[in-house]
PDB file of N, CA and C in Angstrom:
ATOM      1  N   MET A   1      22.199  -7.691   4.836  1.00  0.00           N
ATOM      2  CA  MET A   1      21.633  -8.808   5.553  1.00  0.00           C
ATOM      3  C   MET A   1      22.608  -9.290   6.626  1.00  0.00           C
ATOM      4  N   CYS A   2      23.862  -9.430   6.253  1.00  0.00           N
ATOM      5  CA  CYS A   2      24.852  -9.955   7.198  1.00  0.00           C
ATOM      6  C   CYS A   2      25.737  -8.848   7.764  1.00  0.00           C
ATOM      7  N   ASN A   3      25.497  -7.608   7.346  1.00  0.00           N
ATOM      8  CA  ASN A   3      26.244  -6.430   7.775  1.00  0.00           C
ATOM      9  C   ASN A   3      27.657  -6.333   7.215  1.00  0.00           C
ATOM     10  N   ARG A   4      27.975  -7.168   6.211  1.00  0.00           N
ATOM     11  CA  ARG A   4      29.259  -6.980   5.539  1.00  0.00           C
ATOM     12  C   ARG A   4      29.117  -5.857   4.526  1.00  0.00           C
ATOM     13  N   GLU A   5      30.235  -5.336   4.067  1.00  0.00           N
ATOM     14  CA  GLU A   5      30.223  -4.233   3.112  1.00  0.00           C
ATOM     15  C   GLU A   5      29.548  -4.655   1.801  1.00  0.00           C
ATOM     16  N   ALA A   6      28.669  -3.792   1.302  1.00  0.00           N
ATOM     17  CA  ALA A   6      27.992  -4.057   0.026  1.00  0.00           C
ATOM     18  C   ALA A   6      29.012  -4.016  -1.100  1.00  0.00           C
ATOM     19  N   ARG A   7      28.896  -4.973  -2.033  1.00  0.00           N
ATOM     20  CA  ARG A   7      29.917  -5.098  -3.072  1.00  0.00           C
ATOM     21  C   ARG A   7      29.306  -5.276  -4.465  1.00  0.00           C
ATOM     22  N   GLY A   8      28.379  -4.428  -4.833  1.00  0.00           N
ATOM     23  CA  GLY A   8      27.896  -4.447  -6.207  1.00  0.00           C
ATOM     24  C   GLY A   8      26.624  -5.224  -6.469  1.00  0.00           C
ATOM     25  N   PHE A   9      26.045  -5.837  -5.461  1.00  0.00           N
ATOM     26  CA  PHE A   9      24.786  -6.543  -5.639  1.00  0.00           C
ATOM     27  C   PHE A   9      23.670  -5.637  -5.136  1.00  0.00           C
ATOM     28  N   GLY A  10      22.658  -5.428  -5.961  1.00  0.00           N
ATOM     29  CA  GLY A  10      21.594  -4.519  -5.582  1.00  0.00           C
ATOM     30  C   GLY A  10      20.223  -5.098  -5.850  1.00  0.00           C
ATOM     31  N   TYR A  11      19.222  -4.440  -5.280  1.00  0.00           N
ATOM     32  CA  TYR A  11      17.831  -4.870  -5.469  1.00  0.00           C
ATOM     33  C   TYR A  11      16.917  -3.661  -5.322  1.00  0.00           C
ATOM     34  N   VAL A  12      15.979  -3.532  -6.254  1.00  0.00           N
ATOM     35  CA  VAL A  12      14.886  -2.565  -6.161  1.00  0.00           C
ATOM     36  C   VAL A  12      13.610  -3.349  -6.411  1.00  0.00           C
ATOM     37  N   HIS A  13      12.682  -3.268  -5.485  1.00  0.00           N
ATOM     38  CA  HIS A  13      11.434  -4.020  -5.594  1.00  0.00           C
ATOM     39  C   HIS A  13      10.703  -3.648  -6.878  1.00  0.00           C
ATOM     40  N   ARG A  14      10.323  -4.682  -7.631  1.00  0.00           N
ATOM     41  CA  ARG A  14       9.599  -4.526  -8.904  1.00  0.00           C
ATOM     42  C   ARG A  14      10.329  -3.636  -9.904  1.00  0.00           C
ATOM     43  N   LEU A  15      11.611  -3.413  -9.687  1.00  0.00           N
ATOM     44  CA  LEU A  15      12.433  -2.529 -10.541  1.00  0.00           C
ATOM     45  C   LEU A  15      11.825  -1.139 -10.663  1.00  0.00           C
ATOM     46  N   ARG A  16      11.160  -0.691  -9.615  1.00  0.00           N
ATOM     47  CA  ARG A  16      10.507   0.618  -9.600  1.00  0.00           C
ATOM     48  C   ARG A  16      11.337   1.570  -8.738  1.00  0.00           C
ATOM     49  N   HIS A  17      12.353   2.164  -9.349  1.00  0.00           N
ATOM     50  CA  HIS A  17      13.244   3.086  -8.634  1.00  0.00           C
ATOM     51  C   HIS A  17      12.496   4.314  -8.119  1.00  0.00           C
ATOM     52  N   ASP A  18      11.386   4.665  -8.759  1.00  0.00           N
ATOM     53  CA  ASP A  18      10.622   5.840  -8.349  1.00  0.00           C
ATOM     54  C   ASP A  18       9.761   5.581  -7.117  1.00  0.00           C
ATOM     55  N   GLN A  19       9.523   4.292  -6.785  1.00  0.00           N
ATOM     56  CA  GLN A  19       8.639   3.975  -5.667  1.00  0.00           C
ATOM     57  C   GLN A  19       9.327   3.286  -4.493  1.00  0.00           C
ATOM     58  N   TYR A  20      10.416   2.589  -4.757  1.00  0.00           N
ATOM     59  CA  TYR A  20      11.027   1.764  -3.716  1.00  0.00           C
ATOM     60  C   TYR A  20      12.509   2.100  -3.550  1.00  0.00           C
ATOM     61  N   PRO A  21      13.031   1.871  -2.344  1.00  0.00           N
ATOM     62  CA  PRO A  21      14.453   2.152  -2.117  1.00  0.00           C
ATOM     63  C   PRO A  21      15.351   1.128  -2.801  1.00  0.00           C
ATOM     64  N   PHE A  22      16.563   1.540  -3.099  1.00  0.00           N
ATOM     65  CA  PHE A  22      17.573   0.653  -3.669  1.00  0.00           C
ATOM     66  C   PHE A  22      18.385   0.084  -2.513  1.00  0.00           C
ATOM     67  N   HIS A  23      18.454  -1.234  -2.444  1.00  0.00           N
ATOM     68  CA  HIS A  23      19.187  -1.905  -1.371  1.00  0.00           C
ATOM     69  C   HIS A  23      20.455  -2.519  -1.955  1.00  0.00           C
ATOM     70  N   ARG A  24      21.556  -2.421  -1.220  1.00  0.00           N
ATOM     71  CA  ARG A  24      22.842  -2.988  -1.649  1.00  0.00           C
ATOM     72  C   ARG A  24      23.199  -4.168  -0.754  1.00  0.00           C
ATOM     73  N   PHE A  25      23.867  -5.157  -1.361  1.00  0.00           N
ATOM     74  CA  PHE A  25      24.223  -6.378  -0.649  1.00  0.00           C
ATOM     75  C   PHE A  25      25.663  -6.774  -0.943  1.00  0.00           C
ATOM     76  N   CYS A  26      26.214  -7.611  -0.055  1.00  0.00           N
ATOM     77  CA  CYS A  26      27.603  -8.050  -0.188  1.00  0.00           C
ATOM     78  C   CYS A  26      27.746  -9.228  -1.143  1.00  0.00           C
ATOM     79  N   SER A  27      26.690  -9.994  -1.340  1.00  0.00           N
ATOM     80  CA  SER A  27      26.789 -11.219  -2.133  1.00  0.00           C
ATOM     81  C   SER A  27      25.437 -11.563  -2.737  1.00  0.00           C
ATOM     82  N   ARG A  28      25.460 -12.504  -3.643  1.00  0.00           N
ATOM     83  CA  ARG A  28      24.210 -12.965  -4.261  1.00  0.00           C
ATOM     84  C   ARG A  28      23.316 -13.635  -3.219  1.00  0.00           C
ATOM     85  N   ARG A  29      23.923 -14.332  -2.276  1.00  0.00           N
ATOM     86  CA  ARG A  29      23.152 -15.004  -1.228  1.00  0.00           C
ATOM     87  C   ARG A  29      22.364 -13.982  -0.402  1.00  0.00           C
ATOM     88  N   CYS A  30      23.015 -12.910   0.029  1.00  0.00           N
ATOM     89  CA  CYS A  30      22.326 -11.863   0.792  1.00  0.00           C
ATOM     90  C   CYS A  30      21.309 -11.130  -0.086  1.00  0.00           C
ATOM     91  N   GLN A  31      21.626 -10.949  -1.356  1.00  0.00           N
ATOM     92  CA  GLN A  31      20.696 -10.302  -2.285  1.00  0.00           C
ATOM     93  C   GLN A  31      19.412 -11.130  -2.411  1.00  0.00           C
ATOM     94  N   ASP A  32      19.558 -12.439  -2.559  1.00  0.00           N
ATOM     95  CA  ASP A  32      18.380 -13.304  -2.667  1.00  0.00           C
ATOM     96  C   ASP A  32      17.530 -13.243  -1.401  1.00  0.00           C
ATOM     97  N   ALA A  33      18.193 -13.257  -0.239  1.00  0.00           N
ATOM     98  CA  ALA A  33      17.463 -13.172   1.030  1.00  0.00           C
ATOM     99  C   ALA A  33      16.746 -11.825   1.145  1.00  0.00           C
ATOM    100  N   GLY A  34      17.427 -10.743   0.784  1.00  0.00           N
ATOM    101  CA  GLY A  34      16.814  -9.417   0.836  1.00  0.00           C
ATOM    102  C   GLY A  34      15.644  -9.291  -0.130  1.00  0.00           C
ATOM    103  N   ALA A  35      15.776  -9.870  -1.327  1.00  0.00           N
ATOM    104  CA  ALA A  35      14.693  -9.821  -2.315  1.00  0.00           C
ATOM    105  C   ALA A  35      13.461 -10.558  -1.802  1.00  0.00           C
ATOM    106  N   LYS A  36      13.663 -11.678  -1.133  1.00  0.00           N
ATOM    107  CA  LYS A  36      12.524 -12.418  -0.576  1.00  0.00           C
ATOM    108  C   LYS A  36      11.829 -11.608   0.505  1.00  0.00           C
ATOM    109  N   ILE A  37      12.611 -10.999   1.388  1.00  0.00           N
ATOM    110  CA  ILE A  37      12.025 -10.177   2.453  1.00  0.00           C
ATOM    111  C   ILE A  37      11.249  -9.010   1.839  1.00  0.00           C
ATOM    112  N   ALA A  38      11.833  -8.348   0.851  1.00  0.00           N
ATOM    113  CA  ALA A  38      11.165  -7.216   0.198  1.00  0.00           C
ATOM    114  C   ALA A  38       9.877  -7.668  -0.480  1.00  0.00           C
ATOM    115  N   GLY A  39       9.901  -8.834  -1.122  1.00  0.00           N
ATOM    116  CA  GLY A  39       8.695  -9.352  -1.762  1.00  0.00           C
ATOM    117  C   GLY A  39       7.592  -9.632  -0.765  1.00  0.00           C
ATOM    118  N   ASP A  40       7.966 -10.098   0.421  1.00  0.00           N
ATOM    119  CA  ASP A  40       6.990 -10.405   1.469  1.00  0.00           C
ATOM    120  C   ASP A  40       6.485  -9.165   2.188  1.00  0.00           C
ATOM    121  N   HIS A  41       7.233  -8.055   2.085  1.00  0.00           N
ATOM    122  CA  HIS A  41       6.899  -6.853   2.851  1.00  0.00           C
ATOM    123  C   HIS A  41       6.742  -5.622   1.964  1.00  0.00           C
ATOM    124  N   HIS A  42       6.201  -5.812   0.776  1.00  0.00           N
ATOM    125  CA  HIS A  42       5.872  -4.692  -0.112  1.00  0.00           C
ATOM    126  C   HIS A  42       7.068  -3.790  -0.397  1.00  0.00           C
ATOM    127  N   GLY A  43       8.218  -4.391  -0.669  1.00  0.00           N
ATOM    128  CA  GLY A  43       9.384  -3.625  -1.059  1.00  0.00           C
ATOM    129  C   GLY A  43      10.243  -3.134   0.073  1.00  0.00           C
ATOM    130  N   MET A  44       9.803  -3.331   1.294  1.00  0.00           N
ATOM    131  CA  MET A  44      10.540  -2.826   2.433  1.00  0.00           C
ATOM    132  C   MET A  44      11.336  -3.964   3.070  1.00  0.00           C
ATOM    133  N   ILE A  45      12.600  -3.743   3.290  1.00  0.00           N
ATOM    134  CA  ILE A  45      13.432  -4.749   3.933  1.00  0.00           C
ATOM    135  C   ILE A  45      13.541  -4.449   5.421  1.00  0.00           C
ATOM    136  N   ASP A  46      13.904  -3.265   5.764  1.00  0.00           N
ATOM    137  CA  ASP A  46      14.004  -2.848   7.161  1.00  0.00           C
ATOM    138  C   ASP A  46      13.174  -1.593   7.345  1.00  0.00           C
ATOM    139  N   LYS A  47      12.172  -1.682   8.197  1.00  0.00           N
ATOM    140  CA  LYS A  47      11.398  -0.485   8.501  1.00  0.00           C
ATOM    141  C   LYS A  47      12.262   0.437   9.358  1.00  0.00           C
ATOM    142  N   THR A  48      12.095   1.720   9.128  1.00  0.00           N
ATOM    143  CA  THR A  48      12.772   2.682   9.995  1.00  0.00           C
ATOM    144  C   THR A  48      12.041   2.717  11.335  1.00  0.00           C
ATOM    145  N   ALA A  49      12.664   3.289  12.322  1.00  0.00           N
ATOM    146  CA  ALA A  49      12.032   3.412  13.634  1.00  0.00           C
ATOM    147  C   ALA A  49      10.748   4.244  13.532  1.00  0.00           C
ATOM    148  N   ARG A  50      10.762   5.263  12.689  1.00  0.00           N
ATOM    149  CA  ARG A  50       9.564   6.109  12.512  1.00  0.00           C
ATOM    150  C   ARG A  50       8.431   5.320  11.865  1.00  0.00           C
ATOM    151  N   GLU A  51       8.756   4.489  10.866  1.00  0.00           N
ATOM    152  CA  GLU A  51       7.726   3.680  10.204  1.00  0.00           C
ATOM    153  C   GLU A  51       7.117   2.674  11.178  1.00  0.00           C
ATOM    154  N   THR A  52       7.972   2.035  11.959  1.00  0.00           N
ATOM    155  CA  THR A  52       7.494   1.079  12.955  1.00  0.00           C
ATOM    156  C   THR A  52       6.594   1.771  13.972  1.00  0.00           C
ATOM    157  N   GLN A  53       7.001   2.950  14.436  1.00  0.00           N
ATOM    158  CA  GLN A  53       6.197   3.688  15.406  1.00  0.00           C
ATOM    159  C   GLN A  53       4.876   4.150  14.790  1.00  0.00           C
ATOM    160  N   ALA A  54       4.903   4.574  13.540  1.00  0.00           N
ATOM    161  CA  ALA A  54       3.676   5.027  12.873  1.00  0.00           C
ATOM    162  C   ALA A  54       2.662   3.889  12.761  1.00  0.00           C
ATOM    163  N   ILE A  55       3.125   2.704  12.471  1.00  0.00           N
ATOM    164  CA  ILE A  55       2.219   1.556  12.389  1.00  0.00           C
ATOM    165  C   ILE A  55       1.623   1.263  13.764  1.00  0.00           C
ATOM    166  N   LYS A  56       2.447   1.290  14.808  1.00  0.00           N
ATOM    167  CA  LYS A  56       1.943   1.083  16.173  1.00  0.00           C
ATOM    168  C   LYS A  56       0.928   2.154  16.536  1.00  0.00           C
ATOM    169  N   ASP A  57       1.224   3.405  16.161  1.00  0.00           N
ATOM    170  CA  ASP A  57       0.320   4.511  16.471  1.00  0.00           C
ATOM    171  C   ASP A  57      -1.009   4.401  15.720  1.00  0.00           C
ATOM    172  N   ALA A  58      -1.022   3.679  14.616  1.00  0.00           N
ATOM    173  CA  ALA A  58      -2.251   3.517  13.835  1.00  0.00           C
ATOM    174  C   ALA A  58      -3.169   2.440  14.407  1.00  0.00           C
ATOM    175  N   ARG A  59      -2.646   1.580  15.268  1.00  0.00           N
ATOM    176  CA  ARG A  59      -3.457   0.483  15.811  1.00  0.00           C
ATOM    177  C   ARG A  59      -4.747   0.952  16.487  1.00  0.00           C
ATOM    178  N   PRO A  60      -4.709   1.975  17.364  1.00  0.00           N
ATOM    179  CA  PRO A  60      -5.970   2.402  17.999  1.00  0.00           C
ATOM    180  C   PRO A  60      -6.990   2.921  16.989  1.00  0.00           C
ATOM    181  N   HIS A  61      -6.539   3.602  15.956  1.00  0.00           N
ATOM    182  CA  HIS A  61      -7.455   4.096  14.923  1.00  0.00           C
ATOM    183  C   HIS A  61      -8.080   2.926  14.168  1.00  0.00           C
ATOM    184  N   PHE A  62      -7.254   1.917  13.882  1.00  0.00           N
ATOM    185  CA  PHE A  62      -7.747   0.712  13.208  1.00  0.00           C
ATOM    186  C   PHE A  62      -8.786   0.019  14.092  1.00  0.00           C
ATOM    187  N   ALA A  63      -8.485  -0.110  15.387  1.00  0.00           N
ATOM    188  CA  ALA A  63      -9.420  -0.740  16.325  1.00  0.00           C
ATOM    189  C   ALA A  63     -10.732   0.047  16.418  1.00  0.00           C
ATOM    190  N   ALA A  64     -10.636   1.367  16.429  1.00  0.00           N
ATOM    191  CA  ALA A  64     -11.840   2.195  16.497  1.00  0.00           C
ATOM    192  C   ALA A  64     -12.710   2.004  15.256  1.00  0.00           C
ATOM    193  N   ALA A  65     -12.075   1.925  14.082  1.00  0.00           N
ATOM    194  CA  ALA A  65     -12.830   1.706  12.846  1.00  0.00           C
ATOM    195  C   ALA A  65     -13.484   0.326  12.860  1.00  0.00           C
ATOM    196  N   LEU A  66     -12.758  -0.686  13.304  1.00  0.00           N
ATOM    197  CA  LEU A  66     -13.335  -2.031  13.388  1.00  0.00           C
ATOM    198  C   LEU A  66     -14.518  -2.056  14.339  1.00  0.00           C
ATOM    199  N   THR A  67     -14.387  -1.388  15.469  1.00  0.00           N
ATOM    200  CA  THR A  67     -15.469  -1.326  16.453  1.00  0.00           C
ATOM    201  C   THR A  67     -16.681  -0.617  15.872  1.00  0.00           C
ATOM    202  N   ALA A  68     -16.458   0.511  15.221  1.00  0.00           N
ATOM    203  CA  ALA A  68     -17.563   1.276  14.631  1.00  0.00           C
ATOM    204  C   ALA A  68     -18.292   0.478  13.554  1.00  0.00           C
ATOM    205  N   LEU A  69     -17.571  -0.379  12.853  1.00  0.00           N
ATOM    206  CA  LEU A  69     -18.170  -1.198  11.799  1.00  0.00           C
ATOM    207  C   LEU A  69     -18.706  -2.529  12.319  1.00  0.00           C
ATOM    208  N   GLY A  70     -18.546  -2.776  13.600  1.00  0.00           N
ATOM    209  CA  GLY A  70     -19.008  -4.022  14.195  1.00  0.00           C
ATOM    210  C   GLY A  70     -18.169  -5.231  13.798  1.00  0.00           C
ATOM    211  N   LEU A  71     -16.900  -5.000  13.501  1.00  0.00           N
ATOM    212  CA  LEU A  71     -16.018  -6.077  13.032  1.00  0.00           C
ATOM    213  C   LEU A  71     -14.955  -6.484  14.044  1.00  0.00           C
ATOM    214  N   MET A  72     -14.907  -5.820  15.192  1.00  0.00           N
ATOM    215  CA  MET A  72     -13.825  -6.071  16.140  1.00  0.00           C
ATOM    216  C   MET A  72     -13.753  -7.534  16.573  1.00  0.00           C
ATOM    217  N   GLU A  73     -14.892  -8.189  16.753  1.00  0.00           N
ATOM    218  CA  GLU A  73     -14.869  -9.579  17.219  1.00  0.00           C
ATOM    219  C   GLU A  73     -14.119 -10.506  16.267  1.00  0.00           C
ATOM    220  N   HIS A  74     -14.099 -10.189  14.978  1.00  0.00           N
ATOM    221  CA  HIS A  74     -13.388 -11.009  13.995  1.00  0.00           C
ATOM    222  C   HIS A  74     -11.871 -10.850  14.099  1.00  0.00           C
ATOM    223  N   PHE A  75     -11.419  -9.766  14.696  1.00  0.00           N
ATOM    224  CA  PHE A  75      -9.995  -9.470  14.785  1.00  0.00           C
ATOM    225  C   PHE A  75      -9.459  -9.595  16.217  1.00  0.00           C
ATOM    226  N   PHE A  76     -10.328  -9.959  17.138  1.00  0.00           N
ATOM    227  CA  PHE A  76      -9.964  -9.956  18.554  1.00  0.00           C
ATOM    228  C   PHE A  76      -8.760 -10.839  18.865  1.00  0.00           C
ATOM    229  N   ASN A  77      -8.640 -11.986  18.227  1.00  0.00           N
ATOM    230  CA  ASN A  77      -7.545 -12.915  18.518  1.00  0.00           C
ATOM    231  C   ASN A  77      -6.337 -12.739  17.603  1.00  0.00           C
ATOM    232  N   CYS A  78      -6.333 -11.718  16.783  1.00  0.00           N
ATOM    233  CA  CYS A  78      -5.182 -11.466  15.906  1.00  0.00           C
ATOM    234  C   CYS A  78      -4.010 -10.940  16.728  1.00  0.00           C
ATOM    235  N   SER A  79      -2.821 -11.312  16.310  1.00  0.00           N
ATOM    236  CA  SER A  79      -1.621 -10.803  16.978  1.00  0.00           C
ATOM    237  C   SER A  79      -1.353  -9.367  16.524  1.00  0.00           C
ATOM    238  N   ALA A  80      -0.501  -8.683  17.268  1.00  0.00           N
ATOM    239  CA  ALA A  80      -0.101  -7.327  16.877  1.00  0.00           C
ATOM    240  C   ALA A  80       0.560  -7.353  15.505  1.00  0.00           C
ATOM    241  N   ALA A  81       1.339  -8.403  15.222  1.00  0.00           N
ATOM    242  CA  ALA A  81       2.002  -8.520  13.913  1.00  0.00           C
ATOM    243  C   ALA A  81       0.974  -8.650  12.793  1.00  0.00           C
ATOM    244  N   ASP A  82      -0.109  -9.384  13.053  1.00  0.00           N
ATOM    245  CA  ASP A  82      -1.171  -9.517  12.041  1.00  0.00           C
ATOM    246  C   ASP A  82      -1.850  -8.180  11.790  1.00  0.00           C
ATOM    247  N   ILE A  83      -2.148  -7.458  12.853  1.00  0.00           N
ATOM    248  CA  ILE A  83      -2.780  -6.141  12.720  1.00  0.00           C
ATOM    249  C   ILE A  83      -1.838  -5.186  11.994  1.00  0.00           C
ATOM    250  N   ASP A  84      -0.557  -5.221  12.353  1.00  0.00           N
ATOM    251  CA  ASP A  84       0.425  -4.370  11.681  1.00  0.00           C
ATOM    252  C   ASP A  84       0.495  -4.680  10.198  1.00  0.00           C
ATOM    253  N   ARG A  85       0.394  -5.935   9.847  1.00  0.00           N
ATOM    254  CA  ARG A  85       0.421  -6.336   8.429  1.00  0.00           C
ATOM    255  C   ARG A  85      -0.775  -5.760   7.679  1.00  0.00           C
ATOM    256  N   LEU A  86      -1.948  -5.776   8.302  1.00  0.00           N
ATOM    257  CA  LEU A  86      -3.137  -5.188   7.673  1.00  0.00           C
ATOM    258  C   LEU A  86      -2.968  -3.683   7.486  1.00  0.00           C
ATOM    259  N   ILE A  87      -2.474  -3.022   8.517  1.00  0.00           N
ATOM    260  CA  ILE A  87      -2.261  -1.571   8.427  1.00  0.00           C
ATOM    261  C   ILE A  87      -1.242  -1.260   7.341  1.00  0.00           C
ATOM    262  N   GLU A  88      -0.132  -1.996   7.333  1.00  0.00           N
ATOM    263  CA  GLU A  88       0.921  -1.771   6.348  1.00  0.00           C
ATOM    264  C   GLU A  88       0.410  -2.005   4.927  1.00  0.00           C
ATOM    265  N   SER A  89      -0.423  -3.025   4.745  1.00  0.00           N
ATOM    266  CA  SER A  89      -0.981  -3.301   3.419  1.00  0.00           C
ATOM    267  C   SER A  89      -1.881  -2.164   2.947  1.00  0.00           C
ATOM    268  N   ALA A  90      -2.711  -1.659   3.854  1.00  0.00           N
ATOM    269  CA  ALA A  90      -3.601  -0.552   3.494  1.00  0.00           C
ATOM    270  C   ALA A  90      -2.800   0.702   3.143  1.00  0.00           C
ATOM    271  N   VAL A  91      -1.793   1.003   3.948  1.00  0.00           N
ATOM    272  CA  VAL A  91      -0.969   2.181   3.690  1.00  0.00           C
ATOM    273  C   VAL A  91      -0.220   2.027   2.372  1.00  0.00           C
ATOM    274  N   THR A  92       0.339   0.852   2.129  1.00  0.00           N
ATOM    275  CA  THR A  92       1.073   0.609   0.884  1.00  0.00           C
ATOM    276  C   THR A  92       0.162   0.783  -0.323  1.00  0.00           C
ATOM    277  N   GLY A  93      -1.035   0.217  -0.264  1.00  0.00           N
ATOM    278  CA  GLY A  93      -1.978   0.366  -1.373  1.00  0.00           C
ATOM    279  C   GLY A  93      -2.353   1.816  -1.613  1.00  0.00           C
ATOM    280  N   TYR A  94      -2.571   2.553  -0.550  1.00  0.00           N
ATOM    281  CA  TYR A  94      -2.902   3.971  -0.650  1.00  0.00           C
ATOM    282  C   TYR A  94      -1.758   4.749  -1.286  1.00  0.00           C
ATOM    283  N   VAL A  95      -0.542   4.540  -0.786  1.00  0.00           N
ATOM    284  CA  VAL A  95       0.620   5.274  -1.296  1.00  0.00           C
ATOM    285  C   VAL A  95       0.876   4.927  -2.759  1.00  0.00           C
ATOM    286  N   GLU A  96       0.799   3.642  -3.118  1.00  0.00           N
ATOM    287  CA  GLU A  96       1.023   3.250  -4.513  1.00  0.00           C
ATOM    288  C   GLU A  96      -0.002   3.895  -5.431  1.00  0.00           C
ATOM    289  N   SER A  97      -1.250   3.951  -5.006  1.00  0.00           N
ATOM    290  CA  SER A  97      -2.284   4.593  -5.813  1.00  0.00           C
ATOM    291  C   SER A  97      -2.011   6.081  -5.984  1.00  0.00           C
ATOM    292  N   MET A  98      -1.632   6.749  -4.897  1.00  0.00           N
ATOM    293  CA  MET A  98      -1.337   8.178  -4.982  1.00  0.00           C
ATOM    294  C   MET A  98      -0.152   8.434  -5.905  1.00  0.00           C
ATOM    295  N   GLN A  99       0.851   7.564  -5.870  1.00  0.00           N
ATOM    296  CA  GLN A  99       2.010   7.736  -6.736  1.00  0.00           C
ATOM    297  C   GLN A  99       1.633   7.520  -8.203  1.00  0.00           C
ATOM    298  N   ARG A 100       0.785   6.526  -8.466  1.00  0.00           N
ATOM    299  CA  ARG A 100       0.337   6.297  -9.848  1.00  0.00           C
ATOM    300  C   ARG A 100      -0.466   7.485 -10.365  1.00  0.00           C
ATOM    301  N   GLN A 101      -1.254   8.070  -9.484  1.00  0.00           N
ATOM    302  CA  GLN A 101      -2.112   9.180  -9.885  1.00  0.00           C
ATOM    303  C   GLN A 101      -1.370  10.509  -9.987  1.00  0.00           C
ATOM    304  N   ALA A 102      -0.175  10.567  -9.475  1.00  0.00           N
ATOM    305  CA  ALA A 102       0.556  11.828  -9.398  1.00  0.00           C
ATOM    306  C   ALA A 102       0.704  12.506 -10.755  1.00  0.00           C
ATOM    307  N   GLY A 103       0.829  11.741 -11.805  1.00  0.00           N
ATOM    308  CA  GLY A 103       1.002  12.322 -13.132  1.00  0.00           C
ATOM    309  C   GLY A 103      -0.306  12.558 -13.872  1.00  0.00           C
ATOM    310  N   VAL A 104      -1.427  12.237 -13.243  1.00  0.00           N
ATOM    311  CA  VAL A 104      -2.730  12.388 -13.898  1.00  0.00           C
ATOM    312  C   VAL A 104      -3.431  13.610 -13.328  1.00  0.00           C
ATOM    313  N   GLN A 105      -3.776  14.542 -14.199  1.00  0.00           N
ATOM    314  CA  GLN A 105      -4.443  15.766 -13.761  1.00  0.00           C
ATOM    315  C   GLN A 105      -5.909  15.473 -13.467  1.00  0.00           C
ATOM    316  N   GLU A 106      -6.391  15.915 -12.314  1.00  0.00           N
ATOM    317  CA  GLU A 106      -7.799  15.759 -11.984  1.00  0.00           C
ATOM    318  C   GLU A 106      -8.613  16.774 -12.774  1.00  0.00           C
ATOM    319  N   ARG A 107      -9.826  16.389 -13.134  1.00  0.00           N
ATOM    320  CA  ARG A 107     -10.714  17.264 -13.895  1.00  0.00           C
ATOM    321  C   ARG A 107     -11.807  17.788 -12.982  1.00  0.00           C
ATOM    322  N   SER A 108     -11.941  19.085 -12.898  1.00  0.00           N
ATOM    323  CA  SER A 108     -13.000  19.667 -12.081  1.00  0.00           C
ATOM    324  C   SER A 108     -14.158  20.160 -12.941  1.00  0.00           C
ATOM    325  N   GLY A 109     -13.985  20.124 -14.242  1.00  0.00           N
ATOM    326  CA  GLY A 109     -15.028  20.628 -15.121  1.00  0.00           C
ATOM    327  C   GLY A 109     -14.877  22.104 -15.426  1.00  0.00           C
ATOM    328  N   LEU A 110     -13.914  22.761 -14.827  1.00  0.00           N
ATOM    329  CA  LEU A 110     -13.697  24.177 -15.085  1.00  0.00           C
ATOM    330  C   LEU A 110     -12.927  24.345 -16.389  1.00  0.00           C
ATOM    331  N   PRO A 111     -13.190  25.420 -17.145  1.00  0.00           N
ATOM    332  CA  PRO A 111     -12.550  25.584 -18.446  1.00  0.00           C
ATOM    333  C   PRO A 111     -11.032  25.699 -18.367  1.00  0.00           C
ATOM    334  N   PHE A 112     -10.480  26.211 -17.264  1.00  0.00           N
ATOM    335  CA  PHE A 112      -9.034  26.380 -17.204  1.00  0.00           C
ATOM    336  C   PHE A 112      -8.317  25.073 -16.864  1.00  0.00           C
ATOM    337  N   ASP A 113      -9.076  23.982 -16.709  1.00  0.00           N
ATOM    338  CA  ASP A 113      -8.425  22.671 -16.511  1.00  0.00           C
ATOM    339  C   ASP A 113      -7.855  22.136 -17.814  1.00  0.00           C
ATOM    340  N   ASP A 114      -8.346  22.644 -18.937  1.00  0.00           N
ATOM    341  CA  ASP A 114      -7.845  22.163 -20.221  1.00  0.00           C
ATOM    342  C   ASP A 114      -6.423  22.660 -20.417  1.00  0.00           C
ATOM    343  N   PRO A 115      -5.586  21.802 -21.008  1.00  0.00           N
ATOM    344  CA  PRO A 115      -4.209  22.235 -21.252  1.00  0.00           C
ATOM    345  C   PRO A 115      -4.177  23.447 -22.178  1.00  0.00           C
ATOM    346  N   ILE A 116      -3.211  24.292 -21.945  1.00  0.00           N
ATOM    347  CA  ILE A 116      -3.063  25.489 -22.756  1.00  0.00           C
ATOM    348  C   ILE A 116      -2.363  25.086 -24.051  1.00  0.00           C
ATOM    349  N   PRO A 117      -3.005  25.334 -25.196  1.00  0.00           N
ATOM    350  CA  PRO A 117      -2.357  24.973 -26.473  1.00  0.00           C
ATOM    351  C   PRO A 117      -1.232  25.939 -26.788  1.00  0.00           C
ATOM    352  N   PHE A 118      -0.112  25.414 -27.233  1.00  0.00           N
ATOM    353  CA  PHE A 118       1.027  26.243 -27.627  1.00  0.00           C
ATOM    354  C   PHE A 118       1.278  26.092 -29.081  1.00  0.00           C
TER     355      PHE A 118
END
């Protein structure tokens, strides 16, 4: 947070090491500030340049979907930050669902989907 050397204070959003990055801090004060930011931004404290660009690149697709659904007028006065928040929320929900499902085998109804007994 303050760019001082991290000294043993850490934070992982929701204590989910498998889903969120581990952040290090110099003090409890910076740790508390980082935890609040992560809580407000779905575990992310600092977006990478690629993540920021990906969200910007998604805006036209979001606008096209809103237009196709006849919803654009409801979002016309939203700021770019508001639109980015909606996109980020949708992406986060999608990714979290895919991660939860990763350990669950899909069933196609084919006989070889059954686990092989040993």
